[in-house]
């Protein structure tokens, strides 16, 4: 891992936001996953508005998108 990222993680630890490097990485991965899910919701919503995608329950649309 690049030195600047290690230093950033260590600064987050020192600030008390996380307890250790492993927790910082887990938090980062969860945040990335949440952002991807949010982006999928916005994209599915955009496609529905433009008539480019499935209609119906948003959770069903997302399932269909993931399996496409």
PDB file of N, CA and C in Angstrom:
ATOM      1  N   UNK A   1       0.853  -1.169   0.000  1.00  0.00           N
ATOM      2  CA  UNK A   1       0.000   0.000   0.000  1.00  0.00           C
ATOM      3  C   UNK A   1       0.902   1.236   0.000  1.00  0.00           C
ATOM      4  N   UNK A   2       0.553   2.246  -0.768  1.00  0.00           N
ATOM      5  CA  UNK A   2       1.388   3.451  -0.803  1.00  0.00           C
ATOM      6  C   UNK A   2       1.504   4.112   0.572  1.00  0.00           C
ATOM      7  N   UNK A   3       2.646   4.694   0.800  1.00  0.00           N
ATOM      8  CA  UNK A   3       2.944   5.299   2.099  1.00  0.00           C
ATOM      9  C   UNK A   3       1.915   6.354   2.493  1.00  0.00           C
ATOM     10  N   UNK A   4       1.450   7.156   1.533  1.00  0.00           N
ATOM     11  CA  UNK A   4       0.489   8.206   1.873  1.00  0.00           C
ATOM     12  C   UNK A   4      -0.834   7.634   2.367  1.00  0.00           C
ATOM     13  N   UNK A   5      -1.241   6.487   1.821  1.00  0.00           N
ATOM     14  CA  UNK A   5      -2.476   5.863   2.295  1.00  0.00           C
ATOM     15  C   UNK A   5      -2.311   5.272   3.693  1.00  0.00           C
ATOM     16  N   UNK A   6      -1.166   4.672   3.947  1.00  0.00           N
ATOM     17  CA  UNK A   6      -0.888   4.134   5.286  1.00  0.00           C
ATOM     18  C   UNK A   6      -0.897   5.279   6.296  1.00  0.00           C
ATOM     19  N   UNK A   7      -0.271   6.396   5.929  1.00  0.00           N
ATOM     20  CA  UNK A   7      -0.250   7.553   6.828  1.00  0.00           C
ATOM     21  C   UNK A   7      -1.660   8.091   7.069  1.00  0.00           C
ATOM     22  N   UNK A   8      -2.481   8.096   6.015  1.00  0.00           N
ATOM     23  CA  UNK A   8      -3.867   8.550   6.160  1.00  0.00           C
ATOM     24  C   UNK A   8      -4.632   7.636   7.111  1.00  0.00           C
ATOM     25  N   UNK A   9      -4.488   6.335   6.929  1.00  0.00           N
ATOM     26  CA  UNK A   9      -5.148   5.377   7.815  1.00  0.00           C
ATOM     27  C   UNK A   9      -4.683   5.577   9.247  1.00  0.00           C
ATOM     28  N   UNK A  10      -3.391   5.740   9.426  1.00  0.00           N
ATOM     29  CA  UNK A  10      -2.863   5.948  10.777  1.00  0.00           C
ATOM     30  C   UNK A  10      -3.412   7.232  11.400  1.00  0.00           C
ATOM     31  N   UNK A  11      -3.623   8.262  10.579  1.00  0.00           N
ATOM     32  CA  UNK A  11      -4.189   9.506  11.115  1.00  0.00           C
ATOM     33  C   UNK A  11      -5.634   9.307  11.565  1.00  0.00           C
ATOM     34  N   UNK A  12      -6.367   8.464  10.847  1.00  0.00           N
ATOM     35  CA  UNK A  12      -7.743   8.161  11.244  1.00  0.00           C
ATOM     36  C   UNK A  12      -7.748   7.390  12.564  1.00  0.00           C
ATOM     37  N   UNK A  13      -6.789   6.495  12.722  1.00  0.00           N
ATOM     38  CA  UNK A  13      -6.657   5.739  13.974  1.00  0.00           C
ATOM     39  C   UNK A  13      -6.353   6.701  15.117  1.00  0.00           C
ATOM     40  N   UNK A  14      -5.402   7.604  14.899  1.00  0.00           N
ATOM     41  CA  UNK A  14      -5.010   8.547  15.949  1.00  0.00           C
ATOM     42  C   UNK A  14      -6.143   9.507  16.300  1.00  0.00           C
ATOM     43  N   UNK A  15      -7.026   9.789  15.345  1.00  0.00           N
ATOM     44  CA  UNK A  15      -8.147  10.684  15.627  1.00  0.00           C
ATOM     45  C   UNK A  15      -9.232   9.985  16.444  1.00  0.00           C
ATOM     46  N   UNK A  16      -9.167   8.643  16.500  1.00  0.00           N
ATOM     47  CA  UNK A  16     -10.146   7.882  17.261  1.00  0.00           C
ATOM     48  C   UNK A  16     -11.341   7.421  16.442  1.00  0.00           C
ATOM     49  N   UNK A  17     -11.327   7.723  15.143  1.00  0.00           N
ATOM     50  CA  UNK A  17     -12.456   7.322  14.295  1.00  0.00           C
ATOM     51  C   UNK A  17     -12.535   5.803  14.142  1.00  0.00           C
ATOM     52  N   UNK A  18     -11.392   5.143  14.092  1.00  0.00           N
ATOM     53  CA  UNK A  18     -11.319   3.683  14.065  1.00  0.00           C
ATOM     54  C   UNK A  18     -10.237   3.250  15.036  1.00  0.00           C
ATOM     55  N   UNK A  19     -10.265   1.958  15.392  1.00  0.00           N
ATOM     56  CA  UNK A  19      -9.313   1.464  16.393  1.00  0.00           C
ATOM     57  C   UNK A  19      -8.005   0.951  15.800  1.00  0.00           C
ATOM     58  N   UNK A  20      -8.077   0.430  14.556  1.00  0.00           N
ATOM     59  CA  UNK A  20      -6.878  -0.151  13.966  1.00  0.00           C
ATOM     60  C   UNK A  20      -7.001  -0.140  12.442  1.00  0.00           C
ATOM     61  N   UNK A  21      -5.943  -0.576  11.766  1.00  0.00           N
ATOM     62  CA  UNK A  21      -5.923  -0.569  10.299  1.00  0.00           C
ATOM     63  C   UNK A  21      -6.979  -1.487   9.705  1.00  0.00           C
ATOM     64  N   UNK A  22      -7.174  -2.646  10.305  1.00  0.00           N
ATOM     65  CA  UNK A  22      -8.170  -3.586   9.786  1.00  0.00           C
ATOM     66  C   UNK A  22      -9.565  -2.975   9.849  1.00  0.00           C
ATOM     67  N   UNK A  23      -9.877  -2.315  10.933  1.00  0.00           N
ATOM     68  CA  UNK A  23     -11.187  -1.675  11.056  1.00  0.00           C
ATOM     69  C   UNK A  23     -11.331  -0.539  10.031  1.00  0.00           C
ATOM     70  N   UNK A  24     -10.251   0.186   9.769  1.00  0.00           N
ATOM     71  CA  UNK A  24     -10.288   1.250   8.769  1.00  0.00           C
ATOM     72  C   UNK A  24     -10.577   0.679   7.379  1.00  0.00           C
ATOM     73  N   UNK A  25      -9.955  -0.439   7.051  1.00  0.00           N
ATOM     74  CA  UNK A  25     -10.177  -1.063   5.748  1.00  0.00           C
ATOM     75  C   UNK A  25     -11.608  -1.584   5.649  1.00  0.00           C
ATOM     76  N   UNK A  26     -12.108  -2.218   6.694  1.00  0.00           N
ATOM     77  CA  UNK A  26     -13.494  -2.709   6.682  1.00  0.00           C
ATOM     78  C   UNK A  26     -14.469  -1.557   6.491  1.00  0.00           C
ATOM     79  N   UNK A  27     -14.229  -0.460   7.202  1.00  0.00           N
ATOM     80  CA  UNK A  27     -15.107   0.706   7.083  1.00  0.00           C
ATOM     81  C   UNK A  27     -15.059   1.268   5.661  1.00  0.00           C
ATOM     82  N   UNK A  28     -13.884   1.322   5.075  1.00  0.00           N
ATOM     83  CA  UNK A  28     -13.743   1.831   3.705  1.00  0.00           C
ATOM     84  C   UNK A  28     -14.485   0.938   2.711  1.00  0.00           C
ATOM     85  N   UNK A  29     -14.377  -0.363   2.880  1.00  0.00           N
ATOM     86  CA  UNK A  29     -15.042  -1.298   1.971  1.00  0.00           C
ATOM     87  C   UNK A  29     -16.565  -1.193   2.123  1.00  0.00           C
ATOM     88  N   UNK A  30     -17.054  -1.081   3.353  1.00  0.00           N
ATOM     89  CA  UNK A  30     -18.502  -0.919   3.560  1.00  0.00           C
ATOM     90  C   UNK A  30     -18.989   0.378   2.903  1.00  0.00           C
ATOM     91  N   UNK A  31     -18.222   1.436   3.046  1.00  0.00           N
ATOM     92  CA  UNK A  31     -18.590   2.720   2.442  1.00  0.00           C
ATOM     93  C   UNK A  31     -18.618   2.612   0.926  1.00  0.00           C
ATOM     94  N   UNK A  32     -17.641   1.927   0.347  1.00  0.00           N
ATOM     95  CA  UNK A  32     -17.622   1.722  -1.103  1.00  0.00           C
ATOM     96  C   UNK A  32     -18.837   0.930  -1.552  1.00  0.00           C
ATOM     97  N   UNK A  33     -19.157  -0.132  -0.829  1.00  0.00           N
ATOM     98  CA  UNK A  33     -20.317  -0.955  -1.169  1.00  0.00           C
ATOM     99  C   UNK A  33     -21.595  -0.133  -1.109  1.00  0.00           C
ATOM    100  N   UNK A  34     -21.754   0.675  -0.063  1.00  0.00           N
ATOM    101  CA  UNK A  34     -22.936   1.524   0.058  1.00  0.00           C
ATOM    102  C   UNK A  34     -23.023   2.506  -1.108  1.00  0.00           C
ATOM    103  N   UNK A  35     -21.894   3.084  -1.494  1.00  0.00           N
ATOM    104  CA  UNK A  35     -21.891   4.039  -2.598  1.00  0.00           C
ATOM    105  C   UNK A  35     -22.279   3.367  -3.919  1.00  0.00           C
ATOM    106  N   UNK A  36     -21.796   2.168  -4.137  1.00  0.00           N
ATOM    107  CA  UNK A  36     -22.167   1.416  -5.341  1.00  0.00           C
ATOM    108  C   UNK A  36     -23.667   1.138  -5.349  1.00  0.00           C
ATOM    109  N   UNK A  37     -24.209   0.748  -4.204  1.00  0.00           N
ATOM    110  CA  UNK A  37     -25.640   0.480  -4.116  1.00  0.00           C
ATOM    111  C   UNK A  37     -26.459   1.746  -4.357  1.00  0.00           C
ATOM    112  N   UNK A  38     -26.013   2.864  -3.810  1.00  0.00           N
ATOM    113  CA  UNK A  38     -26.698   4.139  -4.037  1.00  0.00           C
ATOM    114  C   UNK A  38     -26.647   4.505  -5.511  1.00  0.00           C
ATOM    115  N   UNK A  39     -25.484   4.353  -6.126  1.00  0.00           N
ATOM    116  CA  UNK A  39     -25.353   4.646  -7.556  1.00  0.00           C
ATOM    117  C   UNK A  39     -26.273   3.756  -8.386  1.00  0.00           C
ATOM    118  N   UNK A  40     -26.392   2.482  -8.009  1.00  0.00           N
ATOM    119  CA  UNK A  40     -27.293   1.569  -8.719  1.00  0.00           C
ATOM    120  C   UNK A  40     -28.744   2.035  -8.614  1.00  0.00           C
ATOM    121  N   UNK A  41     -29.128   2.516  -7.446  1.00  0.00           N
ATOM    122  CA  UNK A  41     -30.491   3.010  -7.260  1.00  0.00           C
ATOM    123  C   UNK A  41     -30.740   4.232  -8.141  1.00  0.00           C
ATOM    124  N   UNK A  42     -29.810   5.173  -8.136  1.00  0.00           N
ATOM    125  CA  UNK A  42     -29.973   6.357  -8.966  1.00  0.00           C
ATOM    126  C   UNK A  42     -30.007   6.002 -10.450  1.00  0.00           C
ATOM    127  N   UNK A  43     -29.156   5.092 -10.862  1.00  0.00           N
ATOM    128  CA  UNK A  43     -29.125   4.693 -12.274  1.00  0.00           C
ATOM    129  C   UNK A  43     -30.412   3.981 -12.666  1.00  0.00           C
ATOM    130  N   UNK A  44     -30.895   3.094 -11.831  1.00  0.00           N
ATOM    131  CA  UNK A  44     -32.143   2.396 -12.120  1.00  0.00           C
ATOM    132  C   UNK A  44     -33.300   3.386 -12.184  1.00  0.00           C
ATOM    133  N   UNK A  45     -33.319   4.330 -11.271  1.00  0.00           N
ATOM    134  CA  UNK A  45     -34.366   5.340 -11.265  1.00  0.00           C
ATOM    135  C   UNK A  45     -34.313   6.187 -12.539  1.00  0.00           C
ATOM    136  N   UNK A  46     -33.121   6.557 -12.962  1.00  0.00           N
ATOM    137  CA  UNK A  46     -32.953   7.336 -14.187  1.00  0.00           C
ATOM    138  C   UNK A  46     -33.454   6.559 -15.394  1.00  0.00           C
ATOM    139  N   UNK A  47     -33.114   5.293 -15.456  1.00  0.00           N
ATOM    140  CA  UNK A  47     -33.534   4.474 -16.584  1.00  0.00           C
ATOM    141  C   UNK A  47     -35.054   4.310 -16.620  1.00  0.00           C
ATOM    142  N   UNK A  48     -35.669   4.171 -15.464  1.00  0.00           N
ATOM    143  CA  UNK A  48     -37.131   4.053 -15.413  1.00  0.00           C
ATOM    144  C   UNK A  48     -37.758   5.356 -15.906  1.00  0.00           C
ATOM    145  N   UNK A  49     -37.257   6.489 -15.430  1.00  0.00           N
ATOM    146  CA  UNK A  49     -37.802   7.784 -15.861  1.00  0.00           C
ATOM    147  C   UNK A  49     -37.686   7.970 -17.366  1.00  0.00           C
ATOM    148  N   UNK A  50     -36.615   7.457 -17.955  1.00  0.00           N
ATOM    149  CA  UNK A  50     -36.398   7.613 -19.388  1.00  0.00           C
ATOM    150  C   UNK A  50     -37.034   6.483 -20.198  1.00  0.00           C
ATOM    151  N   UNK A  51     -37.693   5.576 -19.523  1.00  0.00           N
ATOM    152  CA  UNK A  51     -38.338   4.468 -20.218  1.00  0.00           C
ATOM    153  C   UNK A  51     -37.356   3.453 -20.767  1.00  0.00           C
ATOM    154  N   UNK A  52     -36.166   3.409 -20.213  1.00  0.00           N
ATOM    155  CA  UNK A  52     -35.118   2.513 -20.706  1.00  0.00           C
ATOM    156  C   UNK A  52     -34.991   1.233 -19.899  1.00  0.00           C
ATOM    157  N   UNK A  53     -35.767   1.112 -18.845  1.00  0.00           N
ATOM    158  CA  UNK A  53     -35.564  -0.029 -17.953  1.00  0.00           C
ATOM    159  C   UNK A  53     -36.904  -0.604 -17.523  1.00  0.00           C
ATOM    160  N   UNK A  54     -36.783  -1.586 -16.681  1.00  0.00           N
ATOM    161  CA  UNK A  54     -37.945  -2.244 -16.121  1.00  0.00           C
ATOM    162  C   UNK A  54     -38.750  -1.267 -15.261  1.00  0.00           C
ATOM    163  N   UNK A  55     -40.028  -1.549 -15.127  1.00  0.00           N
ATOM    164  CA  UNK A  55     -40.846  -0.783 -14.195  1.00  0.00           C
ATOM    165  C   UNK A  55     -41.285  -1.711 -13.084  1.00  0.00           C
ATOM    166  N   UNK A  56     -41.699  -1.147 -11.993  1.00  0.00           N
ATOM    167  CA  UNK A  56     -42.145  -1.940 -10.858  1.00  0.00           C
ATOM    168  C   UNK A  56     -41.390  -1.549  -9.607  1.00  0.00           C
ATOM    169  N   UNK A  57     -41.314  -2.475  -8.682  1.00  0.00           N
ATOM    170  CA  UNK A  57     -40.635  -2.235  -7.422  1.00  0.00           C
ATOM    171  C   UNK A  57     -39.142  -2.040  -7.647  1.00  0.00           C
ATOM    172  N   UNK A  58     -38.581  -1.031  -7.004  1.00  0.00           N
ATOM    173  CA  UNK A  58     -37.172  -0.718  -7.197  1.00  0.00           C
ATOM    174  C   UNK A  58     -36.269  -1.882  -6.812  1.00  0.00           C
ATOM    175  N   UNK A  59     -36.616  -2.615  -5.756  1.00  0.00           N
ATOM    176  CA  UNK A  59     -35.780  -3.750  -5.360  1.00  0.00           C
ATOM    177  C   UNK A  59     -35.763  -4.826  -6.449  1.00  0.00           C
ATOM    178  N   UNK A  60     -36.884  -5.017  -7.142  1.00  0.00           N
ATOM    179  CA  UNK A  60     -36.934  -5.994  -8.235  1.00  0.00           C
ATOM    180  C   UNK A  60     -36.126  -5.521  -9.437  1.00  0.00           C
ATOM    181  N   UNK A  61     -36.179  -4.218  -9.690  1.00  0.00           N
ATOM    182  CA  UNK A  61     -35.376  -3.656 -10.794  1.00  0.00           C
ATOM    183  C   UNK A  61     -33.905  -3.881 -10.522  1.00  0.00           C
ATOM    184  N   UNK A  62     -33.470  -3.615  -9.293  1.00  0.00           N
ATOM    185  CA  UNK A  62     -32.060  -3.796  -8.955  1.00  0.00           C
ATOM    186  C   UNK A  62     -31.635  -5.250  -9.088  1.00  0.00           C
ATOM    187  N   UNK A  63     -32.503  -6.178  -8.690  1.00  0.00           N
ATOM    188  CA  UNK A  63     -32.186  -7.604  -8.840  1.00  0.00           C
ATOM    189  C   UNK A  63     -32.002  -7.960 -10.306  1.00  0.00           C
ATOM    190  N   UNK A  64     -32.900  -7.471 -11.154  1.00  0.00           N
ATOM    191  CA  UNK A  64     -32.801  -7.756 -12.588  1.00  0.00           C
ATOM    192  C   UNK A  64     -31.532  -7.169 -13.173  1.00  0.00           C
ATOM    193  N   UNK A  65     -31.134  -5.958 -12.733  1.00  0.00           N
ATOM    194  CA  UNK A  65     -29.915  -5.318 -13.228  1.00  0.00           C
ATOM    195  C   UNK A  65     -28.677  -6.132 -12.838  1.00  0.00           C
ATOM    196  N   UNK A  66     -28.666  -6.652 -11.641  1.00  0.00           N
ATOM    197  CA  UNK A  66     -27.500  -7.404 -11.178  1.00  0.00           C
ATOM    198  C   UNK A  66     -27.353  -8.724 -11.908  1.00  0.00           C
ATOM    199  N   UNK A  67     -28.462  -9.287 -12.378  1.00  0.00           N
ATOM    200  CA  UNK A  67     -28.412 -10.571 -13.079  1.00  0.00           C
ATOM    201  C   UNK A  67     -28.324 -10.414 -14.590  1.00  0.00           C
ATOM    202  N   UNK A  68     -28.352  -9.179 -15.051  1.00  0.00           N
ATOM    203  CA  UNK A  68     -28.304  -8.939 -16.504  1.00  0.00           C
ATOM    204  C   UNK A  68     -26.883  -9.044 -17.032  1.00  0.00           C
TER     205      UNK A  68
END
